[in-house]
């Protein structure tokens, strides 16, 4: 793939900014730490924001959308806002969940959606109601700050509330990273706009995170902007994503992150250190070969007392060296691809991070955990994982889930697989809760259809402005078609299927065994060969496959898999077969 335009070794942020800034970089710099022109436009009576305000709005956790199903020539678009929460590890306390549920009914489109970054999204919020919605979320101790935009996004961690092993420490580390990488001056803008400047709602880091955060004003980590010491007035070149997990648990899709951390603890659950991976990312653009999906590289092992310093040092390297001229080349994955992980490690060691980076510790083989069904949380407490295909909550199930959360005061957690966990269930509550879940269609929540358990899709049409075709709305029917085909071919093995309406990869289709990536109306790129445990990138095999041709296209390949004895997973079979043989089998259907 062509090399990009990352800064050469030894260059600095000041070198980058000595050139004329782009229009977008200038917009961020002139925004007053993400306040204007958003603040001014919130007060007008227009149903929509202008483009500059839209870009600043993203940092506050919201995207402007229009419902394409309602477009009519010569009439105003059906403008509405999507907003997304900041919820490290997917944790949503009961009171916050109840507030979200009410807001979605009263001021949204009546649905909630669990995202692949462990957060709830609301859709259908009108501009004039946006302040009430975000303000209510903040007053219920939630936040949408930095859920979108050129900044660190929601920090992922295993959603399971286990009180054993390394899980509690991993959740704490995710919380600390989220607070460490939260903006400072922009938080003031956020509170000013949405809760009239009430600073009592400021993020309150733990003592350890606060000490490290104070070091953002030191050395090369310092941006030069005292009000925003880590990010500076232009924040990051593009979005930035972090995930924490424990050895053997790959529920977070670790290798797709800018920073992936595997936390090791001693037998008593005390943290020891982290294996660190850097430079993953899914987004790409059709017909732009310089853009591509990439899995993270191993950086090394860092002792726990230095992990937070390492995280903000990595952010600072990307801040200073990431491409601020070409946005499609601005993610950290391109910086590392162009220069190499050894160069990146040397940048850290020479200027940003003064502690040892050692060789990786051995890890057990990672598994895609989903936590569906009933699990013991701790002595006397349980949690239950509920499958929620495509993450969409609406209608009777949404109303029923609200009733359960309200009655039993349950904490909700969102998984990266778009499912939900109900947590802190007392032993005495289990039988009544099981009966109520059964009435909502969750009689056996750990039993799903062959492909739906790990299948995920992005929202796409009608609201996402980037979508070129359908995804969420047709995904259940696509899975039904594939399951019918597998049944006819007498295949009873699961396949990890992911679908998107565009190439940006929000459902991480490039890690799937079978990925469908929207490339035109009812047409999809076909990606094959990822792994069921999310450890390997898939490869593109067809550029524009009509959805009507799905079964005919895949049948020869699936037959070959069955004839091979189904000893390997489907993705492993594709890789083992080799590209030439797979293309030959796909060509059989096209001939």
Protein backbone atom coordinates (compact mmCIF):
# COMPACT_ATOMS: atom_id res chain seq x y z
CA UNK A 1 0.00 0.00 0.00
CA UNK A 2 1.31 3.47 -0.78
CA UNK A 3 3.25 5.29 1.90
CA UNK A 4 1.58 8.32 3.39
CA UNK A 5 2.86 11.64 4.61
CA UNK A 6 3.65 11.06 8.26
CA UNK A 7 6.26 13.32 9.80
CA UNK A 8 9.84 12.09 9.67
CA UNK A 9 11.48 10.97 12.88
CA UNK A 10 12.48 13.89 15.05
CA UNK A 11 9.77 16.22 13.76
CA UNK A 12 7.47 17.83 16.30
CA UNK A 13 3.98 19.19 16.61
CA UNK A 14 5.38 22.68 16.08
CA UNK A 15 6.99 21.55 12.82
CA UNK A 16 3.61 20.23 11.64
CA UNK A 17 1.85 23.46 12.55
CA UNK A 18 4.41 25.69 10.92
CA UNK A 19 2.63 24.94 7.64
CA UNK A 20 -0.72 26.53 6.84
CA UNK A 21 -3.40 24.70 8.87
CA UNK A 22 -6.29 23.09 7.06
CA UNK A 23 -9.76 24.56 7.29
CA UNK A 24 -10.79 21.87 9.75
CA UNK A 25 -7.75 22.36 11.98
CA UNK A 26 -8.39 26.11 11.94
CA UNK A 27 -12.01 25.52 12.93
CA UNK A 28 -10.95 23.55 16.00
CA UNK A 29 -8.32 26.13 16.93
CA UNK A 30 -10.77 29.04 16.66
CA UNK A 31 -13.60 27.29 18.54
CA UNK A 32 -12.65 28.47 22.01
CA UNK A 33 -11.98 24.91 23.12
CA UNK A 34 -15.00 23.46 21.31
CA UNK A 35 -17.54 26.12 22.24
CA UNK A 36 -18.19 28.08 19.03
CA UNK A 37 -19.99 28.37 16.69
CA UNK A 38 -22.03 25.66 18.43
CA UNK A 39 -22.97 27.85 21.40
CA UNK A 40 -24.27 30.65 19.21
CA UNK A 41 -26.27 28.34 16.93
CA UNK A 42 -27.91 26.54 19.85
CA UNK A 43 -29.80 29.75 20.50
CA UNK A 44 -31.25 30.30 17.03
CA UNK A 45 -34.55 28.91 15.75
CA UNK A 46 -33.17 26.97 12.79
CA UNK A 47 -33.97 23.21 12.79
CA UNK A 48 -30.36 22.37 11.91
CA UNK A 49 -26.76 23.45 12.53
CA UNK A 50 -24.33 24.78 9.94
CA UNK A 51 -21.38 22.64 8.89
CA UNK A 52 -18.85 24.33 11.26
CA UNK A 53 -21.17 23.86 14.23
CA UNK A 54 -21.82 20.23 13.22
CA UNK A 55 -18.10 19.51 13.42
CA UNK A 56 -17.82 20.99 16.91
CA UNK A 57 -21.04 19.25 17.99
CA UNK A 58 -19.36 15.89 17.41
CA UNK A 59 -16.98 16.50 20.31
CA UNK A 60 -20.05 16.91 22.51
CA UNK A 61 -21.24 13.44 21.54
CA UNK A 62 -23.78 14.20 18.84
CA UNK A 63 -24.13 13.93 15.06
CA UNK A 64 -26.64 15.82 12.95
CA UNK A 65 -28.61 13.52 10.66
CA UNK A 66 -31.63 13.62 8.42
CA UNK A 67 -34.10 10.80 7.90
CA UNK A 68 -33.61 9.81 4.27
CA UNK A 69 -36.88 7.90 4.28
CA UNK A 70 -38.64 11.25 4.72
CA UNK A 71 -36.80 13.27 2.08
CA UNK A 72 -39.08 15.09 -0.34
CA UNK A 73 -37.95 17.24 -3.23
CA UNK A 74 -38.28 20.93 -2.51
CA UNK A 75 -38.93 20.46 1.21
CA UNK A 76 -36.73 20.91 4.28
CA UNK A 77 -34.91 17.76 5.33
CA UNK A 78 -36.13 15.92 8.40
CA UNK A 79 -33.29 17.12 10.64
CA UNK A 80 -32.57 15.28 13.88
CA UNK A 81 -29.68 14.54 16.17
CA UNK A 82 -28.10 11.27 17.21
CA UNK A 83 -26.28 11.37 20.50
CA UNK A 84 -23.98 8.82 22.09
CA UNK A 85 -22.94 8.31 25.68
CA UNK A 86 -19.54 8.18 27.32
CA UNK A 87 -19.76 4.98 29.38
CA UNK A 88 -16.39 3.31 30.08
CA UNK A 89 -16.73 -0.47 30.00
CA UNK A 90 -20.40 -0.08 29.01
CA UNK A 91 -21.61 0.60 32.57
CA UNK A 92 -25.01 2.32 32.88
CA UNK A 93 -26.37 2.71 36.46
CA UNK A 94 -30.09 2.10 36.91
CA UNK A 95 -31.08 5.76 37.37
CA UNK A 96 -29.19 6.80 34.23
CA UNK A 97 -30.75 3.97 32.22
CA UNK A 98 -34.24 4.98 33.30
CA UNK A 99 -33.52 8.58 32.32
CA UNK A 100 -32.27 7.47 28.88
CA UNK A 101 -35.32 5.32 28.36
CA UNK A 102 -37.67 8.19 29.20
CA UNK A 103 -35.76 10.68 27.05
CA UNK A 104 -35.83 8.35 24.06
CA UNK A 105 -39.60 8.06 24.33
CA UNK A 106 -40.36 11.71 25.05
CA UNK A 107 -37.75 13.51 22.92
CA UNK A 108 -36.27 10.81 20.64
CA UNK A 109 -37.64 8.30 18.18
CA UNK A 110 -38.68 5.81 20.86
CA UNK A 111 -35.64 3.53 20.55
CA UNK A 112 -32.28 3.02 22.21
CA UNK A 113 -29.37 1.35 20.47
CA UNK A 114 -26.46 -0.50 22.03
CA UNK A 115 -23.34 0.29 20.00
CA UNK A 116 -20.24 -1.75 19.25
CA UNK A 117 -18.27 0.63 21.54
CA UNK A 118 -20.36 -0.27 24.57
CA UNK A 119 -22.50 2.84 24.67
CA UNK A 120 -26.15 3.64 24.15
CA UNK A 121 -27.18 5.89 21.28
CA UNK A 122 -30.37 7.89 21.00
CA UNK A 123 -31.82 8.88 17.66
CA UNK A 124 -34.44 11.35 16.53
CA UNK A 125 -33.67 14.24 18.91
CA UNK A 126 -34.70 17.63 17.52
CA UNK A 127 -32.26 20.50 17.71
CA UNK A 128 -34.51 22.51 20.03
CA UNK A 129 -34.57 19.59 22.49
CA UNK A 130 -30.86 18.79 22.43
CA UNK A 131 -29.97 20.88 25.48
CA UNK A 132 -32.72 19.29 27.56
CA UNK A 133 -31.64 15.79 26.53
CA UNK A 134 -27.91 16.22 27.16
CA UNK A 135 -28.53 18.27 30.30
CA UNK A 136 -30.77 15.54 31.71
CA UNK A 137 -28.12 12.92 30.99
CA UNK A 138 -25.47 14.98 32.79
CA UNK A 139 -27.75 15.58 35.79
CA UNK A 140 -28.21 11.82 36.06
CA UNK A 141 -24.41 11.48 36.20
CA UNK A 142 -23.97 10.41 32.61
CA UNK A 143 -22.06 12.19 29.86
CA UNK A 144 -21.78 12.47 26.10
CA UNK A 145 -18.50 14.44 26.21
CA UNK A 146 -15.95 13.15 23.68
CA UNK A 147 -18.16 10.24 22.59
CA UNK A 148 -17.46 11.47 19.04
CA UNK A 149 -14.95 13.84 17.42
CA UNK A 150 -11.16 14.07 17.08
CA UNK A 151 -10.46 12.93 20.61
CA UNK A 152 -10.29 9.80 22.73
CA UNK A 153 -13.65 8.01 22.42
CA UNK A 154 -15.41 5.68 24.85
CA UNK A 155 -12.91 3.36 26.57
CA UNK A 156 -13.85 -0.30 26.22
CA UNK A 157 -13.43 -3.10 28.77
CA UNK A 158 -15.03 -6.50 29.42
CA UNK A 159 -18.64 -5.77 30.34
CA UNK A 160 -18.96 -8.74 32.71
CA UNK A 161 -19.15 -7.52 36.35
CA UNK A 162 -17.14 -10.43 37.71
CA UNK A 163 -15.68 -9.74 41.15
CA UNK A 164 -12.90 -12.27 40.51
CA UNK A 165 -9.53 -12.39 38.77
CA UNK A 166 -8.31 -9.38 36.81
CA UNK A 167 -11.79 -8.17 35.82
CA UNK A 168 -12.29 -5.60 38.61
CA UNK A 169 -8.84 -4.11 37.99
CA UNK A 170 -9.49 -3.97 34.23
CA UNK A 171 -12.72 -2.04 34.81
CA UNK A 172 -10.92 0.36 37.14
CA UNK A 173 -8.15 0.88 34.59
CA UNK A 174 -10.69 1.66 31.85
CA UNK A 175 -12.34 4.22 34.14
CA UNK A 176 -8.98 5.82 34.91
CA UNK A 177 -8.00 6.00 31.23
CA UNK A 178 -11.35 7.57 30.34
CA UNK A 179 -10.84 10.24 33.02
CA UNK A 180 -7.15 10.70 32.19
CA UNK A 181 -7.90 11.37 28.51
CA UNK A 182 -10.96 13.52 29.11
CA UNK A 183 -10.36 17.09 27.85
CA UNK A 184 -10.06 19.87 30.42
CA UNK A 185 -10.95 23.19 28.79
CA UNK A 186 -13.47 21.47 26.52
CA UNK A 187 -15.18 20.02 29.57
CA UNK A 188 -15.79 23.57 30.69
CA UNK A 189 -17.35 24.35 27.29
CA UNK A 190 -19.46 21.21 27.55
CA UNK A 191 -20.85 22.06 30.97
CA UNK A 192 -21.39 25.68 29.95
CA UNK A 193 -23.51 24.68 26.95
CA UNK A 194 -25.54 21.85 28.43
CA UNK A 195 -25.94 22.54 32.19
CA UNK A 196 -25.40 26.31 32.30
CA UNK A 197 -21.85 26.03 33.56
CA UNK A 198 -22.55 23.89 36.63
CA UNK A 199 -19.04 22.72 37.47
CA UNK A 200 -20.27 20.29 40.11
CA UNK A 201 -20.67 17.82 37.24
CA UNK A 202 -16.98 17.87 36.34
CA UNK A 203 -15.33 14.48 35.87
CA UNK A 204 -13.58 13.50 39.10
CA UNK A 205 -10.59 11.22 38.41
CA UNK A 206 -9.23 8.79 40.98
CA UNK A 207 -6.21 9.94 42.97
CA UNK A 208 -3.83 7.88 40.81
CA UNK A 209 -5.30 9.17 37.54
CA UNK A 210 -5.25 12.73 38.86
CA UNK A 211 -1.53 12.51 39.67
CA UNK A 212 -0.72 11.30 36.16
CA UNK A 213 -3.04 13.89 34.60
CA UNK A 214 -1.03 16.62 36.34
CA UNK A 215 2.03 15.42 34.40
CA UNK A 216 0.33 16.38 31.14
CA UNK A 217 1.89 19.82 31.63
CA UNK A 218 5.42 18.38 31.65
CA UNK A 219 7.96 17.66 28.93
CA UNK A 220 6.96 16.56 25.44
CA UNK A 221 3.56 15.34 26.63
CA UNK A 222 2.60 19.00 27.14
CA UNK A 223 0.75 20.42 24.16
CA UNK A 224 1.82 24.00 24.87
CA UNK A 225 -1.73 25.01 25.77
CA UNK A 226 -2.07 25.43 29.54
CA UNK A 227 -5.86 25.24 29.34
CA UNK A 228 -5.79 21.96 27.40
CA UNK A 229 -2.41 20.47 28.31
CA UNK A 230 -2.71 17.08 26.62
CA UNK A 231 -4.72 17.88 23.51
CA UNK A 232 -3.98 21.52 22.73
CA UNK A 233 -6.44 23.75 20.92
CA UNK A 234 -6.70 21.45 17.88
CA UNK A 235 -7.15 18.18 19.80
CA UNK A 236 -6.25 14.97 17.91
CA UNK A 237 -5.73 14.60 14.15
CA UNK A 238 -8.65 12.10 14.12
CA UNK A 239 -10.60 9.92 16.53
CA UNK A 240 -8.68 7.80 19.03
CA UNK A 241 -9.80 4.50 20.59
CA UNK A 242 -8.61 2.56 23.65
CA UNK A 243 -9.63 -0.81 25.07
CA UNK A 244 -8.58 -2.76 28.17
CA UNK A 245 -9.07 -6.48 28.71
CA UNK A 246 -7.78 -9.43 30.70
CA UNK A 247 -5.71 -12.34 29.36
CA UNK A 248 -7.82 -14.68 27.26
CA UNK A 249 -10.88 -12.40 26.91
CA UNK A 250 -11.25 -10.75 23.50
CA UNK A 251 -14.75 -9.39 23.95
CA UNK A 252 -13.36 -5.90 23.15
CA UNK A 253 -11.92 -6.67 19.68
CA UNK A 254 -8.52 -5.69 21.07
CA UNK A 255 -6.52 -5.50 17.85
CA UNK A 256 -8.86 -2.96 16.24
CA UNK A 257 -7.93 -0.24 18.78
CA UNK A 258 -5.41 2.59 18.65
CA UNK A 259 -4.26 1.30 22.05
CA UNK A 260 -5.12 -2.19 23.28
CA UNK A 261 -4.11 -3.18 26.81
CA UNK A 262 -4.07 -6.70 28.27
CA UNK A 263 -3.91 -6.37 32.05
CA UNK A 264 -2.08 -9.00 34.12
CA UNK A 265 -2.84 -9.40 37.81
CA UNK A 266 -1.49 -11.63 40.58
CA UNK A 267 -3.72 -14.37 42.07
CA UNK A 268 -5.21 -11.83 44.49
CA UNK A 269 -6.28 -9.56 41.63
CA UNK A 270 -3.58 -6.94 42.19
CA UNK A 271 -2.44 -5.36 38.88
CA UNK A 272 1.08 -6.15 37.68
CA UNK A 273 1.32 -4.65 34.20
CA UNK A 274 -0.01 -4.62 30.67
CA UNK A 275 0.85 -5.99 27.27
CA UNK A 276 0.39 -3.01 24.97
CA UNK A 277 -0.76 -3.09 21.33
CA UNK A 278 -0.88 0.02 19.12
CA UNK A 279 -2.10 1.07 15.69
CA UNK A 280 -5.31 -0.79 15.01
CA UNK A 281 -8.24 0.71 13.13
CA UNK A 282 -11.05 -0.32 10.80
CA UNK A 283 -12.04 2.72 8.72
CA UNK A 284 -11.28 2.84 5.00
CA UNK A 285 -12.66 4.41 1.82
CA UNK A 286 -13.75 2.56 -1.31
CA UNK A 287 -11.37 3.00 -4.29
CA UNK A 288 -8.75 4.70 -2.08
CA UNK A 289 -6.02 2.11 -1.75
CA UNK A 290 -4.09 4.35 0.61
CA UNK A 291 -6.81 3.70 3.19
CA UNK A 292 -7.11 0.29 4.80
CA UNK A 293 -8.12 -1.67 7.86
CA UNK A 294 -5.24 -2.64 10.12
CA UNK A 295 -4.67 -4.71 13.23
CA UNK A 296 -2.56 -3.33 16.06
CA UNK A 297 1.14 -4.15 16.49
CA UNK A 298 2.62 -5.36 19.78
CA UNK A 299 4.50 -2.53 21.48
CA UNK A 300 5.66 -4.34 24.61
CA UNK A 301 4.95 -4.89 28.30
CA UNK A 302 4.76 -2.00 30.75
CA UNK A 303 4.63 -2.22 34.56
CA UNK A 304 1.27 -1.20 35.97
CA UNK A 305 2.53 1.87 37.82
CA UNK A 306 3.58 3.34 34.46
CA UNK A 307 0.60 2.31 32.29
CA UNK A 308 -1.32 5.59 32.59
CA UNK A 309 1.82 7.57 31.75
CA UNK A 310 2.33 5.29 28.75
CA UNK A 311 -1.22 5.85 27.52
CA UNK A 312 -0.99 9.63 27.57
CA UNK A 313 2.48 9.45 26.01
CA UNK A 314 1.09 7.43 23.07
CA UNK A 315 -1.68 10.01 22.68
CA UNK A 316 0.94 12.77 22.63
CA UNK A 317 3.00 11.04 19.93
CA UNK A 318 -0.07 10.73 17.71
CA UNK A 319 -1.04 14.33 18.52
CA UNK A 320 2.35 15.60 17.39
CA UNK A 321 3.11 13.26 14.49
CA UNK A 322 -0.28 12.25 13.12
CA UNK A 323 -1.22 13.65 9.72
CA UNK A 324 -3.20 16.89 10.10
CA UNK A 325 -3.26 17.64 6.38
CA UNK A 326 -5.09 14.59 4.97
CA UNK A 327 -7.93 13.47 7.22
CA UNK A 328 -8.26 10.08 5.60
CA UNK A 329 -4.61 9.48 6.51
CA UNK A 330 -4.79 10.92 10.02
CA UNK A 331 -5.40 7.84 12.21
CA UNK A 332 -2.49 6.47 14.23
CA UNK A 333 -2.59 3.23 12.23
CA UNK A 334 -1.17 5.11 9.24
CA UNK A 335 1.56 6.75 11.32
CA UNK A 336 2.71 3.32 12.50
CA UNK A 337 2.23 1.68 9.09
CA UNK A 338 4.36 4.35 7.39
CA UNK A 339 7.15 4.50 9.98
CA UNK A 340 7.05 1.13 11.73
CA UNK A 341 6.35 0.17 15.32
CA UNK A 342 10.07 0.27 16.15
CA UNK A 343 10.19 3.93 15.12
CA UNK A 344 7.08 4.57 17.19
CA UNK A 345 8.59 2.87 20.23
CA UNK A 346 11.75 4.92 19.84
CA UNK A 347 9.74 8.16 19.70
CA UNK A 348 8.11 7.20 22.97
CA UNK A 349 11.39 6.32 24.66
CA UNK A 350 13.37 9.30 23.42
CA UNK A 351 10.94 12.09 24.25
CA UNK A 352 7.62 11.10 25.82
CA UNK A 353 7.98 8.09 28.15
CA UNK A 354 10.96 7.45 30.40
CA UNK A 355 10.07 4.02 31.79
CA UNK A 356 10.95 0.53 30.50
CA UNK A 357 9.01 -1.08 27.66
CA UNK A 358 9.82 -4.78 27.88
CA UNK A 359 9.00 -7.82 25.75
CA UNK A 360 5.42 -9.04 25.78
CA UNK A 361 4.33 -11.48 28.45
CA UNK A 362 2.85 -14.76 27.26
CA UNK A 363 -0.93 -14.69 26.93
CA UNK A 364 -3.43 -17.53 26.66
CA UNK A 365 -5.23 -17.82 23.36
CA UNK A 366 -7.91 -15.15 23.36
CA UNK A 367 -11.60 -15.98 22.94
CA UNK A 368 -14.54 -13.84 21.86
CA UNK A 369 -16.52 -13.84 25.12
CA UNK A 370 -20.15 -12.72 25.07
CA UNK A 371 -21.48 -13.49 28.61
CA UNK A 372 -24.94 -14.50 27.35
CA UNK A 373 -27.10 -16.35 29.86
CA UNK A 374 -26.79 -16.52 33.66
CA UNK A 375 -23.46 -16.11 35.49
CA UNK A 376 -22.42 -15.78 39.11
CA UNK A 377 -21.18 -12.23 39.64
CA UNK A 378 -20.02 -12.62 43.25
CA UNK A 379 -21.28 -14.50 46.31
CA UNK A 380 -25.01 -13.82 46.49
CA UNK A 381 -25.17 -11.85 43.21
CA UNK A 382 -25.79 -12.84 39.57
CA UNK A 383 -25.88 -11.24 36.16
CA UNK A 384 -27.61 -12.27 32.97
CA UNK A 385 -26.57 -11.54 29.39
CA UNK A 386 -29.42 -10.85 26.97
CA UNK A 387 -28.91 -11.18 23.18
CA UNK A 388 -30.05 -8.08 21.32
CA UNK A 389 -29.53 -8.50 17.58
CA UNK A 390 -28.23 -5.23 16.08
CA UNK A 391 -28.46 -3.62 19.53
CA UNK A 392 -31.84 -2.04 18.89
CA UNK A 393 -34.24 -1.71 21.84
CA UNK A 394 -37.81 -0.79 20.98
CA UNK A 395 -41.43 -1.63 21.62
CA UNK A 396 -42.43 -4.26 24.15
CA UNK A 397 -38.89 -5.39 24.93
CA UNK A 398 -37.77 -1.84 25.64
CA UNK A 399 -40.75 -1.25 27.93
CA UNK A 400 -40.20 -4.59 29.64
CA UNK A 401 -36.50 -3.97 30.20
CA UNK A 402 -37.30 -0.60 31.75
CA UNK A 403 -39.77 -2.27 34.11
CA UNK A 404 -37.14 -4.80 35.22
CA UNK A 405 -34.43 -2.20 35.77
CA UNK A 406 -36.84 -0.02 37.74
CA UNK A 407 -38.33 -2.84 39.83
CA UNK A 408 -35.06 -4.57 40.75
CA UNK A 409 -32.76 -1.49 40.58
CA UNK A 410 -30.42 -3.30 38.20
CA UNK A 411 -27.27 -1.92 36.66
CA UNK A 412 -27.12 -2.29 32.86
CA UNK A 413 -23.95 -2.97 30.92
CA UNK A 414 -23.51 -2.80 27.16
CA UNK A 415 -21.24 -5.32 25.43
CA UNK A 416 -19.14 -4.74 22.28
CA UNK A 417 -21.38 -7.37 20.68
CA UNK A 418 -24.40 -5.03 21.03
CA UNK A 419 -25.95 -7.15 23.79
CA UNK A 420 -26.94 -6.01 27.30
CA UNK A 421 -26.19 -7.42 30.74
CA UNK A 422 -28.46 -7.00 33.75
CA UNK A 423 -26.26 -6.94 36.84
CA UNK A 424 -26.44 -7.10 40.66
CA UNK A 425 -29.29 -9.63 40.74
CA UNK A 426 -29.80 -11.14 44.19
CA UNK A 427 -30.18 -14.90 44.50
CA UNK A 428 -33.71 -14.41 45.83
CA UNK A 429 -34.64 -12.39 42.74
CA UNK A 430 -33.51 -14.94 40.15
CA UNK A 431 -36.68 -16.99 39.79
CA UNK A 432 -39.03 -14.03 39.41
CA UNK A 433 -36.64 -12.29 37.04
CA UNK A 434 -36.31 -15.43 34.92
CA UNK A 435 -40.09 -15.62 34.59
CA UNK A 436 -40.35 -11.97 33.54
CA UNK A 437 -37.52 -12.33 31.02
CA UNK A 438 -39.32 -15.31 29.50
CA UNK A 439 -42.39 -13.17 28.81
CA UNK A 440 -40.11 -10.80 26.85
CA UNK A 441 -38.72 -13.62 24.68
CA UNK A 442 -35.59 -14.27 26.74
CA UNK A 443 -36.56 -17.63 28.23
CA UNK A 444 -33.15 -19.11 27.42
CA UNK A 445 -30.89 -16.10 26.79
CA UNK A 446 -27.80 -18.24 26.21
CA UNK A 447 -29.46 -20.04 23.27
CA UNK A 448 -29.39 -18.15 19.98
CA UNK A 449 -29.57 -19.06 16.32
CA UNK A 450 -26.43 -20.29 14.60
CA UNK A 451 -25.24 -16.93 13.25
CA UNK A 452 -26.98 -14.31 15.38
CA UNK A 453 -24.94 -14.86 18.55
CA UNK A 454 -21.92 -12.92 17.31
CA UNK A 455 -23.36 -11.23 14.23
CA UNK A 456 -23.38 -7.43 14.36
CA UNK A 457 -24.40 -4.65 11.98
CA UNK A 458 -24.14 -0.86 11.84
CA UNK A 459 -27.24 1.44 11.79
CA UNK A 460 -26.77 2.59 8.15
CA UNK A 461 -29.98 3.78 6.45
CA UNK A 462 -32.06 5.82 6.94
CA UNK A 463 -30.18 8.02 9.43
CA UNK A 464 -26.43 7.60 8.92
CA UNK A 465 -25.18 10.19 6.46
CA UNK A 466 -22.32 7.94 5.33
CA UNK A 467 -24.41 4.89 4.45
CA UNK A 468 -24.63 3.89 0.80
CA UNK A 469 -26.99 0.97 1.43
CA UNK A 470 -28.81 -0.97 4.12
CA UNK A 471 -27.34 -2.81 7.10
CA UNK A 472 -29.20 -2.96 10.44
CA UNK A 473 -32.70 -3.07 8.96
CA UNK A 474 -31.98 -6.05 6.73
CA UNK A 475 -29.37 -7.88 8.83
CA UNK A 476 -31.86 -10.24 10.54
CA UNK A 477 -33.20 -11.27 7.13
CA UNK A 478 -29.66 -11.76 5.80
CA UNK A 479 -28.82 -14.04 8.73
CA UNK A 480 -32.05 -15.98 8.16
CA UNK A 481 -31.08 -16.51 4.53
CA UNK A 482 -27.59 -17.68 5.46
CA UNK A 483 -28.91 -20.01 8.16
CA UNK A 484 -31.38 -21.52 5.69
CA UNK A 485 -28.50 -22.10 3.29
CA UNK A 486 -26.36 -23.73 5.99
CA UNK A 487 -29.27 -25.96 7.00
CA UNK A 488 -29.81 -27.04 3.40
CA UNK A 489 -26.10 -27.86 3.10
CA UNK A 490 -26.19 -29.72 6.44
CA UNK A 491 -23.65 -27.41 8.08
CA UNK A 492 -24.16 -26.85 11.80
CA UNK A 493 -21.04 -24.77 12.49
CA UNK A 494 -21.28 -21.03 13.31
CA UNK A 495 -19.75 -18.30 11.15
CA UNK A 496 -18.87 -14.84 12.44
CA UNK A 497 -20.85 -12.46 10.18
CA UNK A 498 -20.67 -8.66 10.26
CA UNK A 499 -22.34 -6.13 7.99
CA UNK A 500 -21.99 -2.40 7.28
CA UNK A 501 -23.71 0.07 5.00
CA UNK A 502 -20.42 1.75 4.04
CA UNK A 503 -16.66 1.10 4.24
CA UNK A 504 -16.06 3.02 7.49
CA UNK A 505 -16.31 -0.23 9.41
CA UNK A 506 -18.34 0.70 12.52
CA UNK A 507 -19.32 -2.95 13.04
CA UNK A 508 -15.69 -3.99 12.46
CA UNK A 509 -16.51 -6.21 9.44
CA UNK A 510 -12.87 -6.54 8.45
CA UNK A 511 -12.31 -8.89 11.40
CA UNK A 512 -15.22 -11.18 10.48
CA UNK A 513 -15.10 -14.62 8.92
CA UNK A 514 -17.70 -13.27 6.48
CA UNK A 515 -17.98 -9.50 6.13
CA UNK A 516 -20.49 -7.61 3.98
CA UNK A 517 -19.43 -4.01 3.33
CA UNK A 518 -21.84 -1.73 1.51
CA UNK A 519 -20.50 -0.61 -1.88
CA UNK A 520 -23.68 0.47 -3.70
CA UNK A 521 -27.44 0.17 -3.51
CA UNK A 522 -28.09 -3.46 -2.48
CA UNK A 523 -24.47 -4.29 -3.34
CA UNK A 524 -21.68 -5.31 -0.98
CA UNK A 525 -18.01 -6.05 -0.94
CA UNK A 526 -17.43 -9.62 0.22
CA UNK A 527 -14.66 -9.99 2.83
CA UNK A 528 -13.56 -13.44 3.93
CA UNK A 529 -11.00 -15.05 6.19
CA UNK A 530 -11.11 -13.27 9.53
CA UNK A 531 -11.13 -15.47 12.60
CA UNK A 532 -13.92 -16.40 14.99
CA UNK A 533 -11.81 -15.10 17.89
CA UNK A 534 -11.03 -11.75 16.20
CA UNK A 535 -7.30 -12.27 15.78
CA UNK A 536 -6.88 -11.84 12.00
CA UNK A 537 -7.99 -9.44 9.27
CA UNK A 538 -10.27 -10.65 6.52
CA UNK A 539 -9.49 -9.95 2.85
CA UNK A 540 -11.72 -8.54 0.09
CA UNK A 541 -12.78 -11.07 -2.53
CA UNK A 542 -15.62 -9.40 -4.43
CA UNK A 543 -16.04 -5.67 -5.00
CA UNK A 544 -19.76 -5.49 -5.80
CA UNK A 545 -21.81 -8.54 -4.96
CA UNK A 546 -25.57 -8.03 -5.43
CA UNK A 547 -27.31 -9.05 -2.23
CA UNK A 548 -29.68 -11.17 -4.29
CA UNK A 549 -26.68 -13.29 -5.27
CA UNK A 550 -25.60 -14.00 -1.69
CA UNK A 551 -26.57 -17.68 -1.54
CA UNK A 552 -25.45 -18.54 -5.06
CA UNK A 553 -22.10 -16.83 -4.48
CA UNK A 554 -21.32 -18.58 -1.21
CA UNK A 555 -22.73 -22.06 -1.85
CA UNK A 556 -19.71 -23.54 -3.72
CA UNK A 557 -17.35 -22.27 -1.02
CA UNK A 558 -19.55 -23.57 1.79
CA UNK A 559 -19.85 -26.94 0.06
CA UNK A 560 -16.06 -27.17 -0.14
CA UNK A 561 -15.89 -26.37 3.58
CA UNK A 562 -18.34 -29.16 4.36
CA UNK A 563 -16.54 -31.62 2.08
CA UNK A 564 -13.34 -30.77 3.94
CA UNK A 565 -14.93 -32.11 7.10
CA UNK A 566 -15.65 -28.80 8.86
CA UNK A 567 -12.60 -29.47 11.00
CA UNK A 568 -11.61 -25.80 10.92
CA UNK A 569 -13.68 -22.71 11.41
CA UNK A 570 -14.91 -21.07 8.22
CA UNK A 571 -12.36 -18.23 8.35
CA UNK A 572 -9.49 -20.68 8.96
CA UNK A 573 -10.73 -22.82 6.07
CA UNK A 574 -10.66 -19.80 3.74
CA UNK A 575 -7.10 -18.93 4.73
CA UNK A 576 -5.90 -22.54 4.52
CA UNK A 577 -7.49 -22.99 1.10
CA UNK A 578 -5.55 -20.08 -0.35
CA UNK A 579 -6.76 -17.10 -2.30
CA UNK A 580 -6.60 -18.78 -5.70
CA UNK A 581 -8.82 -21.70 -4.69
CA UNK A 582 -11.31 -19.46 -2.92
CA UNK A 583 -11.58 -17.17 -5.94
CA UNK A 584 -12.09 -20.21 -8.16
CA UNK A 585 -14.97 -21.39 -5.96
CA UNK A 586 -16.54 -17.94 -5.95
CA UNK A 587 -16.18 -17.82 -9.74
CA UNK A 588 -18.18 -21.03 -10.07
CA UNK A 589 -21.26 -19.14 -8.93
CA UNK A 590 -20.58 -16.23 -11.28
CA UNK A 591 -20.16 -18.43 -14.35
